[in-house]
Protein backbone atom coordinates (compact mmCIF):
# COMPACT_ATOMS: atom_id res chain seq x y z
CA MET A 1 42.61 18.67 3.95
CA ASN A 2 46.32 18.98 3.05
CA LEU A 3 48.77 17.24 5.51
CA SER A 4 52.54 18.40 5.00
CA VAL A 5 55.33 16.94 7.28
CA TYR A 6 58.40 18.17 7.70
CA CYS A 7 60.92 16.08 9.35
CA ASP A 8 65.23 16.05 9.68
CA GLY A 9 66.98 14.06 11.82
CA GLY A 10 71.26 14.66 13.00
CA ALA A 11 73.66 13.32 15.03
CA ARG A 12 76.58 14.85 16.36
CA GLY A 13 79.41 12.82 16.22
CA ASN A 14 78.08 10.37 13.67
CA PRO A 15 77.45 8.22 15.11
CA GLY A 16 76.79 10.23 18.35
CA PRO A 17 73.79 11.52 20.28
CA ALA A 18 71.00 12.04 17.75
CA ALA A 19 67.38 13.55 17.46
CA ALA A 20 65.10 14.06 15.09
CA GLY A 21 62.59 17.43 14.61
CA VAL A 22 58.98 17.20 13.37
CA VAL A 23 56.66 19.69 12.02
CA VAL A 24 52.93 18.62 10.98
CA GLU A 25 51.24 21.19 8.87
CA LYS A 26 47.20 21.08 7.88
CA ASP A 27 46.21 23.14 5.44
CA GLY A 28 49.32 25.24 5.97
CA GLN A 29 48.38 25.95 9.65
CA THR A 30 51.02 24.07 12.31
CA LEU A 31 49.39 21.20 13.99
CA ILE A 32 52.35 20.06 15.97
CA ARG A 33 56.31 20.88 15.91
CA PHE A 34 58.24 18.27 18.51
CA GLY A 35 61.73 17.41 19.18
CA LYS A 36 62.82 14.05 20.15
CA LEU A 37 65.92 12.37 21.13
CA ILE A 38 66.58 9.13 19.80
CA GLY A 39 69.54 7.91 21.60
CA HIS A 40 73.36 7.44 19.67
CA ALA A 41 72.68 7.02 16.03
CA THR A 42 74.19 8.16 12.83
CA ASN A 43 72.39 11.03 10.33
CA ASN A 44 70.83 8.43 8.36
CA VAL A 45 69.25 6.70 11.60
CA ALA A 46 67.85 9.75 12.84
CA GLU A 47 66.29 10.92 9.03
CA TYR A 48 64.58 8.01 9.26
CA GLN A 49 63.39 8.01 13.28
CA ALA A 50 61.90 11.55 12.03
CA VAL A 51 59.71 10.24 9.31
CA ILE A 52 58.64 7.26 12.25
CA ALA A 53 57.95 9.85 14.79
CA ALA A 54 55.68 11.99 12.34
CA LEU A 55 53.81 8.95 11.77
CA ASN A 56 53.17 7.10 14.68
CA TRP A 57 51.95 11.11 15.95
CA LEU A 58 49.65 10.75 12.69
CA LYS A 59 48.18 7.58 14.43
CA THR A 60 47.30 9.17 17.78
CA TYR A 61 46.11 12.22 15.84
CA PHE A 62 44.01 10.07 13.47
CA SER A 63 42.56 8.26 16.50
CA SER A 64 41.66 10.94 18.56
CA ASN A 65 40.06 13.16 15.78
CA SER A 66 36.98 11.52 14.17
CA LEU A 67 38.15 12.16 10.70
CA PRO A 68 35.66 10.70 7.83
CA VAL A 69 38.17 11.08 5.42
CA ARG A 70 42.00 10.60 5.87
CA PRO A 71 43.90 13.07 3.55
CA GLN A 72 45.31 12.03 0.97
CA PRO A 73 48.67 11.54 -0.20
CA ILE A 74 50.74 12.73 2.98
CA VAL A 75 53.41 14.78 2.26
CA PHE A 76 56.51 14.56 3.45
CA TYR A 77 59.36 17.25 3.04
CA LEU A 78 62.99 16.32 4.06
CA ASP A 79 66.04 17.84 3.34
CA SER A 80 67.93 14.33 2.94
CA SER A 81 68.04 13.50 -0.27
CA LEU A 82 69.67 10.05 0.26
CA LEU A 83 66.50 9.11 2.46
CA VAL A 84 64.13 10.65 -0.23
CA ASN A 85 65.23 8.61 -2.92
CA GLN A 86 65.50 5.09 -1.03
CA LEU A 87 61.67 5.94 0.47
CA ILE A 88 60.87 6.33 -3.03
CA GLY A 89 62.89 3.62 -4.83
CA ASN A 90 65.45 5.32 -6.49
CA TYR A 91 68.10 4.03 -4.49
CA LYS A 92 68.38 0.82 -3.01
CA ILE A 93 68.61 0.34 0.52
CA LYS A 94 72.01 -1.46 1.29
CA LYS A 95 72.25 -1.79 5.20
CA PRO A 96 69.98 -4.23 7.35
CA HIS A 97 69.32 -1.38 10.07
CA LEU A 98 68.44 0.77 7.42
CA LYS A 99 65.99 -1.30 5.55
CA ALA A 100 64.24 -2.50 8.61
CA LEU A 101 63.52 0.87 9.65
CA ALA A 102 62.10 1.81 5.99
CA ALA A 103 59.76 -1.43 6.56
CA GLU A 104 58.47 0.16 9.32
CA ILE A 105 57.82 3.57 7.80
CA PHE A 106 55.68 1.56 5.22
CA LYS A 107 54.01 -0.76 7.77
CA LEU A 108 53.02 2.16 9.65
CA LEU A 109 51.63 3.49 6.22
CA GLU A 110 49.76 0.39 5.63
CA LEU A 111 48.35 0.30 9.07
CA LEU A 112 46.83 3.78 9.08
CA LYS A 113 45.95 3.71 5.31
CA LEU A 114 47.48 6.32 4.06
CA THR A 115 49.40 6.88 1.26
CA ALA A 116 52.76 9.41 0.96
CA GLU A 117 54.74 11.41 -1.16
CA PHE A 118 58.40 12.34 -0.05
CA HIS A 119 60.03 15.12 -1.58
CA HIS A 120 63.54 16.37 -1.08
CA ILE A 121 63.88 20.35 -0.31
CA PRO A 122 67.00 22.44 0.84
CA ARG A 123 67.96 22.68 3.96
CA SER A 124 66.89 26.48 4.02
CA GLN A 125 63.53 25.58 3.63
CA ASN A 126 63.45 23.22 6.90
CA THR A 127 65.09 25.56 9.22
CA GLN A 128 61.86 24.36 11.77
CA ALA A 129 62.31 20.51 11.84
CA ASP A 130 66.48 21.38 11.89
CA SER A 131 66.02 23.70 14.76
CA LEU A 132 63.90 21.06 16.84
CA VAL A 133 66.75 18.81 16.12
CA ASN A 134 69.34 20.93 17.58
CA GLU A 135 66.74 22.02 20.67
CA ALA A 136 66.14 18.21 21.31
CA LEU A 137 70.49 17.64 21.11
CA ASP A 138 71.48 20.80 23.59
CA GLN A 139 69.48 19.96 26.09
CA LYS A 140 70.73 16.69 26.00
CA ILE A 141 74.26 17.83 26.29
CA THR A 142 73.50 21.03 28.98
């Protein structure tokens, strides 16, 4: 079993109203797609929150589906090169609030006994997650 997770985050105003979008695929078939408002935040915080939202959903998914073997690795696709480079250790995370969010991601991975790969993709390959961000933000504003 292969799990692919597409994540995106965005804020209108940066900082401003922010949301996360997540698409989880199992063997190429969509398991879930969701957008989630996260309050007032920056784009970078929203990107981190999207990965955290995906991991929290996976936690529920794994606990409700008795899977004898968990897929390794979970592959995350993100259109934020900053986030990817921070999570794979190419860039130092300087801001304390972003360090805390990265620590939460790694804590969830450890709790779930998962390994993860983080890949940067162009925005044009992340349109579903991006649309979910915008749909969530549009609902907040209207």
